[in-house]
């Protein structure tokens, strides 16, 4: 029983079909996989509680929160630019709810005086760009991907707020990084 599992467990699927399939997958995990696991590493107290609730027979769950170089982040000066920049950093997946961020941005007053900066790539990229065009906000959006660490830190430094709207994820690394820099976050 020397197997160590770090599942990054979210508890639910991203839509009804995936949730139903995930329920079957949990049954498979419960009966065939988890009985051979000696240690489960959870990356947050929320994830540990979720694992304990969904898999009550798991006995050896340890909390191992993700590490980060706080000194690097605290040395980044937070100096929000004008026009104000709303920042999203992450993979462009449906459950991350970037579509809702676009919709919300389209309702802001004086959005001409704002920028929405979306850093990331993924299967929803083209769909999100079409949505931005339909909402008439494409001119207010900067799409970026493949940034170096230095360029990403620059984006954090210049943004007014970080937005992460996913309801399925445990506390994200981007949220921690923004908070270390001193930036407000909307999660």
C-alpha atoms as a PDB file:
ATOM      1  CA  UNK A   1       0.000   0.000   0.000  1.00  0.00           C
ATOM      2  CA  UNK A   2       2.728   2.406  -0.982  1.00  0.00           C
ATOM      3  CA  UNK A   3       0.553   4.341  -3.461  1.00  0.00           C
ATOM      4  CA  UNK A   4       0.313   8.088  -2.864  1.00  0.00           C
ATOM      5  CA  UNK A   5      -2.580   9.938  -4.502  1.00  0.00           C
ATOM      6  CA  UNK A   6      -2.883  13.699  -4.984  1.00  0.00           C
ATOM      7  CA  UNK A   7      -6.246  13.982  -6.746  1.00  0.00           C
ATOM      8  CA  UNK A   8      -6.980  17.753  -6.900  1.00  0.00           C
ATOM      9  CA  UNK A   9     -10.510  16.604  -6.177  1.00  0.00           C
ATOM     10  CA  UNK A  10     -13.435  18.861  -7.165  1.00  0.00           C
ATOM     11  CA  UNK A  11     -16.375  16.606  -6.119  1.00  0.00           C
ATOM     12  CA  UNK A  12     -18.596  17.416  -9.113  1.00  0.00           C
ATOM     13  CA  UNK A  13     -18.562  17.217 -12.903  1.00  0.00           C
ATOM     14  CA  UNK A  14     -18.729  20.397 -14.980  1.00  0.00           C
ATOM     15  CA  UNK A  15     -22.231  19.682 -16.349  1.00  0.00           C
ATOM     16  CA  UNK A  16     -25.051  17.186 -15.715  1.00  0.00           C
ATOM     17  CA  UNK A  17     -23.677  14.482 -17.983  1.00  0.00           C
ATOM     18  CA  UNK A  18     -20.155  14.764 -16.587  1.00  0.00           C
ATOM     19  CA  UNK A  19     -21.535  14.813 -13.051  1.00  0.00           C
ATOM     20  CA  UNK A  20     -23.454  11.584 -13.719  1.00  0.00           C
ATOM     21  CA  UNK A  21     -20.354   9.978 -15.228  1.00  0.00           C
ATOM     22  CA  UNK A  22     -18.271  11.248 -12.320  1.00  0.00           C
ATOM     23  CA  UNK A  23     -20.684   9.556  -9.896  1.00  0.00           C
ATOM     24  CA  UNK A  24     -19.926   6.260 -11.645  1.00  0.00           C
ATOM     25  CA  UNK A  25     -16.217   7.081 -11.580  1.00  0.00           C
ATOM     26  CA  UNK A  26     -16.370   7.705  -7.817  1.00  0.00           C
ATOM     27  CA  UNK A  27     -17.891   4.264  -7.360  1.00  0.00           C
ATOM     28  CA  UNK A  28     -15.028   2.764  -9.380  1.00  0.00           C
ATOM     29  CA  UNK A  29     -12.509   4.735  -7.307  1.00  0.00           C
ATOM     30  CA  UNK A  30     -14.155   3.634  -4.063  1.00  0.00           C
ATOM     31  CA  UNK A  31     -14.132  -0.083  -4.928  1.00  0.00           C
ATOM     32  CA  UNK A  32     -10.984  -0.602  -6.982  1.00  0.00           C
ATOM     33  CA  UNK A  33      -8.490   2.241  -6.636  1.00  0.00           C
ATOM     34  CA  UNK A  34      -8.694   3.819  -3.196  1.00  0.00           C
ATOM     35  CA  UNK A  35      -8.387   0.570  -1.281  1.00  0.00           C
ATOM     36  CA  UNK A  36      -4.807   0.342  -2.633  1.00  0.00           C
ATOM     37  CA  UNK A  37      -3.875   3.905  -1.682  1.00  0.00           C
ATOM     38  CA  UNK A  38      -1.708   4.365   1.386  1.00  0.00           C
ATOM     39  CA  UNK A  39      -1.731   8.169   1.503  1.00  0.00           C
ATOM     40  CA  UNK A  40      -3.944  10.858  -0.033  1.00  0.00           C
ATOM     41  CA  UNK A  41      -2.582  14.394  -0.276  1.00  0.00           C
ATOM     42  CA  UNK A  42      -5.163  17.188  -0.222  1.00  0.00           C
ATOM     43  CA  UNK A  43      -4.139  20.670  -1.357  1.00  0.00           C
ATOM     44  CA  UNK A  44      -6.634  22.543   0.854  1.00  0.00           C
ATOM     45  CA  UNK A  45      -8.787  21.951   3.944  1.00  0.00           C
ATOM     46  CA  UNK A  46     -11.840  22.120   1.632  1.00  0.00           C
ATOM     47  CA  UNK A  47     -10.461  19.330  -0.548  1.00  0.00           C
ATOM     48  CA  UNK A  48      -9.656  17.210   2.521  1.00  0.00           C
ATOM     49  CA  UNK A  49     -13.245  17.657   3.837  1.00  0.00           C
ATOM     50  CA  UNK A  50     -14.667  16.768   0.407  1.00  0.00           C
ATOM     51  CA  UNK A  51     -12.559  13.613   0.221  1.00  0.00           C
ATOM     52  CA  UNK A  52     -13.535  12.571   3.758  1.00  0.00           C
ATOM     53  CA  UNK A  53     -17.205  13.144   2.976  1.00  0.00           C
ATOM     54  CA  UNK A  54     -17.244  11.313  -0.371  1.00  0.00           C
ATOM     55  CA  UNK A  55     -14.841   8.521   0.633  1.00  0.00           C
ATOM     56  CA  UNK A  56     -15.390   7.894   4.371  1.00  0.00           C
ATOM     57  CA  UNK A  57     -13.208   4.768   4.356  1.00  0.00           C
ATOM     58  CA  UNK A  58     -10.127   6.794   3.445  1.00  0.00           C
ATOM     59  CA  UNK A  59      -8.128   6.977   6.633  1.00  0.00           C
ATOM     60  CA  UNK A  60      -4.842   8.570   5.685  1.00  0.00           C
ATOM     61  CA  UNK A  61      -5.596  12.001   4.229  1.00  0.00           C
ATOM     62  CA  UNK A  62      -2.877  14.577   4.773  1.00  0.00           C
ATOM     63  CA  UNK A  63      -3.010  18.262   4.024  1.00  0.00           C
ATOM     64  CA  UNK A  64      -0.171  19.413   1.782  1.00  0.00           C
ATOM     65  CA  UNK A  65      -0.979  22.901   0.645  1.00  0.00           C
ATOM     66  CA  UNK A  66       0.709  24.090  -2.498  1.00  0.00           C
ATOM     67  CA  UNK A  67       3.928  25.938  -1.874  1.00  0.00           C
ATOM     68  CA  UNK A  68       4.847  29.202  -3.501  1.00  0.00           C
ATOM     69  CA  UNK A  69       7.684  31.675  -3.377  1.00  0.00           C
ATOM     70  CA  UNK A  70       6.080  34.459  -1.353  1.00  0.00           C
ATOM     71  CA  UNK A  71       9.199  36.615  -1.428  1.00  0.00           C
ATOM     72  CA  UNK A  72       9.121  36.744  -5.225  1.00  0.00           C
ATOM     73  CA  UNK A  73       5.511  37.911  -5.179  1.00  0.00           C
ATOM     74  CA  UNK A  74       5.909  40.423  -2.364  1.00  0.00           C
ATOM     75  CA  UNK A  75       8.695  42.064  -4.349  1.00  0.00           C
ATOM     76  CA  UNK A  76       6.301  42.734  -7.253  1.00  0.00           C
ATOM     77  CA  UNK A  77       5.007  46.288  -6.863  1.00  0.00           C
ATOM     78  CA  UNK A  78       1.254  46.487  -7.246  1.00  0.00           C
ATOM     79  CA  UNK A  79       0.748  49.566  -9.398  1.00  0.00           C
ATOM     80  CA  UNK A  80      -2.616  49.358 -11.161  1.00  0.00           C
ATOM     81  CA  UNK A  81      -2.685  51.148 -14.469  1.00  0.00           C
ATOM     82  CA  UNK A  82      -5.266  53.371 -16.009  1.00  0.00           C
ATOM     83  CA  UNK A  83      -7.514  52.382 -17.645  1.00  0.00           C
ATOM     84  CA  UNK A  84      -8.360  49.909 -14.895  1.00  0.00           C
ATOM     85  CA  UNK A  85      -7.538  46.319 -15.818  1.00  0.00           C
ATOM     86  CA  UNK A  86      -9.657  43.312 -14.769  1.00  0.00           C
ATOM     87  CA  UNK A  87      -7.437  40.215 -14.934  1.00  0.00           C
ATOM     88  CA  UNK A  88      -8.247  36.537 -15.434  1.00  0.00           C
ATOM     89  CA  UNK A  89      -5.431  33.972 -15.364  1.00  0.00           C
ATOM     90  CA  UNK A  90      -6.106  30.314 -16.072  1.00  0.00           C
ATOM     91  CA  UNK A  91      -7.003  27.643 -18.549  1.00  0.00           C
ATOM     92  CA  UNK A  92      -9.977  28.471 -20.740  1.00  0.00           C
ATOM     93  CA  UNK A  93     -12.333  25.663 -19.737  1.00  0.00           C
ATOM     94  CA  UNK A  94     -16.114  25.799 -19.479  1.00  0.00           C
ATOM     95  CA  UNK A  95     -16.252  25.233 -15.701  1.00  0.00           C
ATOM     96  CA  UNK A  96     -13.943  28.199 -15.103  1.00  0.00           C
ATOM     97  CA  UNK A  97     -16.901  30.410 -16.119  1.00  0.00           C
ATOM     98  CA  UNK A  98     -14.943  32.931 -18.180  1.00  0.00           C
ATOM     99  CA  UNK A  99     -18.138  33.297 -20.242  1.00  0.00           C
ATOM    100  CA  UNK A 100     -19.809  34.794 -17.160  1.00  0.00           C
ATOM    101  CA  UNK A 101     -16.896  37.146 -16.700  1.00  0.00           C
ATOM    102  CA  UNK A 102     -17.395  38.367 -20.281  1.00  0.00           C
ATOM    103  CA  UNK A 103     -21.139  38.791 -19.716  1.00  0.00           C
ATOM    104  CA  UNK A 104     -20.587  40.706 -16.473  1.00  0.00           C
ATOM    105  CA  UNK A 105     -17.954  42.906 -18.108  1.00  0.00           C
ATOM    106  CA  UNK A 106     -20.399  43.783 -20.904  1.00  0.00           C
ATOM    107  CA  UNK A 107     -22.804  45.249 -18.298  1.00  0.00           C
ATOM    108  CA  UNK A 108     -20.279  47.545 -16.620  1.00  0.00           C
ATOM    109  CA  UNK A 109     -20.815  51.273 -16.968  1.00  0.00           C
ATOM    110  CA  UNK A 110     -17.966  53.151 -18.613  1.00  0.00           C
ATOM    111  CA  UNK A 111     -16.457  49.879 -19.812  1.00  0.00           C
ATOM    112  CA  UNK A 112     -14.701  51.922 -22.507  1.00  0.00           C
ATOM    113  CA  UNK A 113     -12.485  53.109 -19.639  1.00  0.00           C
ATOM    114  CA  UNK A 114     -11.713  49.512 -18.612  1.00  0.00           C
ATOM    115  CA  UNK A 115      -9.652  46.643 -19.992  1.00  0.00           C
ATOM    116  CA  UNK A 116     -10.344  42.947 -19.515  1.00  0.00           C
ATOM    117  CA  UNK A 117      -7.126  40.950 -19.703  1.00  0.00           C
ATOM    118  CA  UNK A 118      -7.555  37.204 -20.218  1.00  0.00           C
ATOM    119  CA  UNK A 119      -4.348  35.216 -19.793  1.00  0.00           C
ATOM    120  CA  UNK A 120      -4.678  31.595 -20.799  1.00  0.00           C
ATOM    121  CA  UNK A 121      -5.551  29.190 -23.550  1.00  0.00           C
ATOM    122  CA  UNK A 122      -7.768  26.163 -23.862  1.00  0.00           C
ATOM    123  CA  UNK A 123     -10.681  24.565 -25.668  1.00  0.00           C
ATOM    124  CA  UNK A 124     -13.078  27.466 -24.949  1.00  0.00           C
ATOM    125  CA  UNK A 125     -10.817  30.110 -26.529  1.00  0.00           C
ATOM    126  CA  UNK A 126     -12.642  30.410 -29.869  1.00  0.00           C
ATOM    127  CA  UNK A 127     -16.086  30.254 -28.256  1.00  0.00           C
ATOM    128  CA  UNK A 128     -15.140  33.005 -25.788  1.00  0.00           C
ATOM    129  CA  UNK A 129     -13.822  35.228 -28.591  1.00  0.00           C
ATOM    130  CA  UNK A 130     -17.097  34.766 -30.491  1.00  0.00           C
ATOM    131  CA  UNK A 131     -19.047  35.621 -27.327  1.00  0.00           C
ATOM    132  CA  UNK A 132     -16.953  38.778 -26.828  1.00  0.00           C
ATOM    133  CA  UNK A 133     -17.730  39.822 -30.419  1.00  0.00           C
ATOM    134  CA  UNK A 134     -21.467  39.162 -29.923  1.00  0.00           C
ATOM    135  CA  UNK A 135     -21.410  41.236 -26.729  1.00  0.00           C
ATOM    136  CA  UNK A 136     -19.582  44.052 -28.512  1.00  0.00           C
ATOM    137  CA  UNK A 137     -16.687  44.064 -26.039  1.00  0.00           C
ATOM    138  CA  UNK A 138     -13.886  42.586 -28.163  1.00  0.00           C
ATOM    139  CA  UNK A 139     -12.120  45.956 -28.404  1.00  0.00           C
ATOM    140  CA  UNK A 140     -11.862  46.097 -24.596  1.00  0.00           C
ATOM    141  CA  UNK A 141     -10.229  42.682 -24.228  1.00  0.00           C
ATOM    142  CA  UNK A 142      -6.568  41.695 -24.373  1.00  0.00           C
ATOM    143  CA  UNK A 143      -6.104  37.959 -25.021  1.00  0.00           C
ATOM    144  CA  UNK A 144      -2.726  36.595 -23.927  1.00  0.00           C
ATOM    145  CA  UNK A 145      -1.182  33.148 -23.574  1.00  0.00           C
ATOM    146  CA  UNK A 146       2.194  31.509 -23.160  1.00  0.00           C
ATOM    147  CA  UNK A 147       3.554  34.319 -20.997  1.00  0.00           C
ATOM    148  CA  UNK A 148       6.921  34.057 -19.315  1.00  0.00           C
ATOM    149  CA  UNK A 149       6.870  34.236 -15.519  1.00  0.00           C
ATOM    150  CA  UNK A 150       8.174  37.801 -15.716  1.00  0.00           C
ATOM    151  CA  UNK A 151       5.410  38.837 -18.131  1.00  0.00           C
ATOM    152  CA  UNK A 152       2.753  37.185 -15.948  1.00  0.00           C
ATOM    153  CA  UNK A 153       4.004  39.017 -12.862  1.00  0.00           C
ATOM    154  CA  UNK A 154       3.830  42.241 -14.868  1.00  0.00           C
ATOM    155  CA  UNK A 155       0.168  41.529 -15.646  1.00  0.00           C
ATOM    156  CA  UNK A 156      -0.542  41.018 -11.933  1.00  0.00           C
ATOM    157  CA  UNK A 157       1.291  44.228 -11.121  1.00  0.00           C
ATOM    158  CA  UNK A 158      -0.687  46.346 -13.607  1.00  0.00           C
ATOM    159  CA  UNK A 159      -4.180  44.920 -12.923  1.00  0.00           C
ATOM    160  CA  UNK A 160      -6.745  46.519 -10.628  1.00  0.00           C
ATOM    161  CA  UNK A 161      -8.473  43.266  -9.692  1.00  0.00           C
ATOM    162  CA  UNK A 162      -8.209  39.531 -10.365  1.00  0.00           C
ATOM    163  CA  UNK A 163     -11.434  37.639 -11.179  1.00  0.00           C
ATOM    164  CA  UNK A 164     -11.806  33.850 -10.747  1.00  0.00           C
ATOM    165  CA  UNK A 165     -15.406  32.687 -11.086  1.00  0.00           C
ATOM    166  CA  UNK A 166     -15.055  28.892 -11.022  1.00  0.00           C
ATOM    167  CA  UNK A 167     -17.389  27.283  -8.497  1.00  0.00           C
ATOM    168  CA  UNK A 168     -15.780  23.849  -8.726  1.00  0.00           C
ATOM    169  CA  UNK A 169     -12.181  24.488  -7.786  1.00  0.00           C
ATOM    170  CA  UNK A 170     -10.459  24.652  -4.466  1.00  0.00           C
ATOM    171  CA  UNK A 171      -8.527  27.785  -3.622  1.00  0.00           C
ATOM    172  CA  UNK A 172      -6.470  28.601  -6.707  1.00  0.00           C
ATOM    173  CA  UNK A 173      -2.831  29.479  -7.112  1.00  0.00           C
ATOM    174  CA  UNK A 174      -3.653  32.622  -9.104  1.00  0.00           C
ATOM    175  CA  UNK A 175      -5.762  33.889  -6.212  1.00  0.00           C
ATOM    176  CA  UNK A 176      -2.902  33.315  -3.778  1.00  0.00           C
ATOM    177  CA  UNK A 177      -0.434  35.052  -6.095  1.00  0.00           C
ATOM    178  CA  UNK A 178      -2.682  38.104  -6.523  1.00  0.00           C
ATOM    179  CA  UNK A 179      -3.262  38.372  -2.778  1.00  0.00           C
ATOM    180  CA  UNK A 180       0.483  38.174  -2.067  1.00  0.00           C
ATOM    181  CA  UNK A 181       1.025  41.090  -4.446  1.00  0.00           C
ATOM    182  CA  UNK A 182      -1.722  43.017  -2.643  1.00  0.00           C
ATOM    183  CA  UNK A 183      -4.323  42.980  -5.408  1.00  0.00           C
ATOM    184  CA  UNK A 184      -8.035  42.633  -4.626  1.00  0.00           C
ATOM    185  CA  UNK A 185      -9.662  39.456  -5.928  1.00  0.00           C
ATOM    186  CA  UNK A 186     -13.189  38.467  -6.861  1.00  0.00           C
ATOM    187  CA  UNK A 187     -13.735  34.716  -6.380  1.00  0.00           C
END
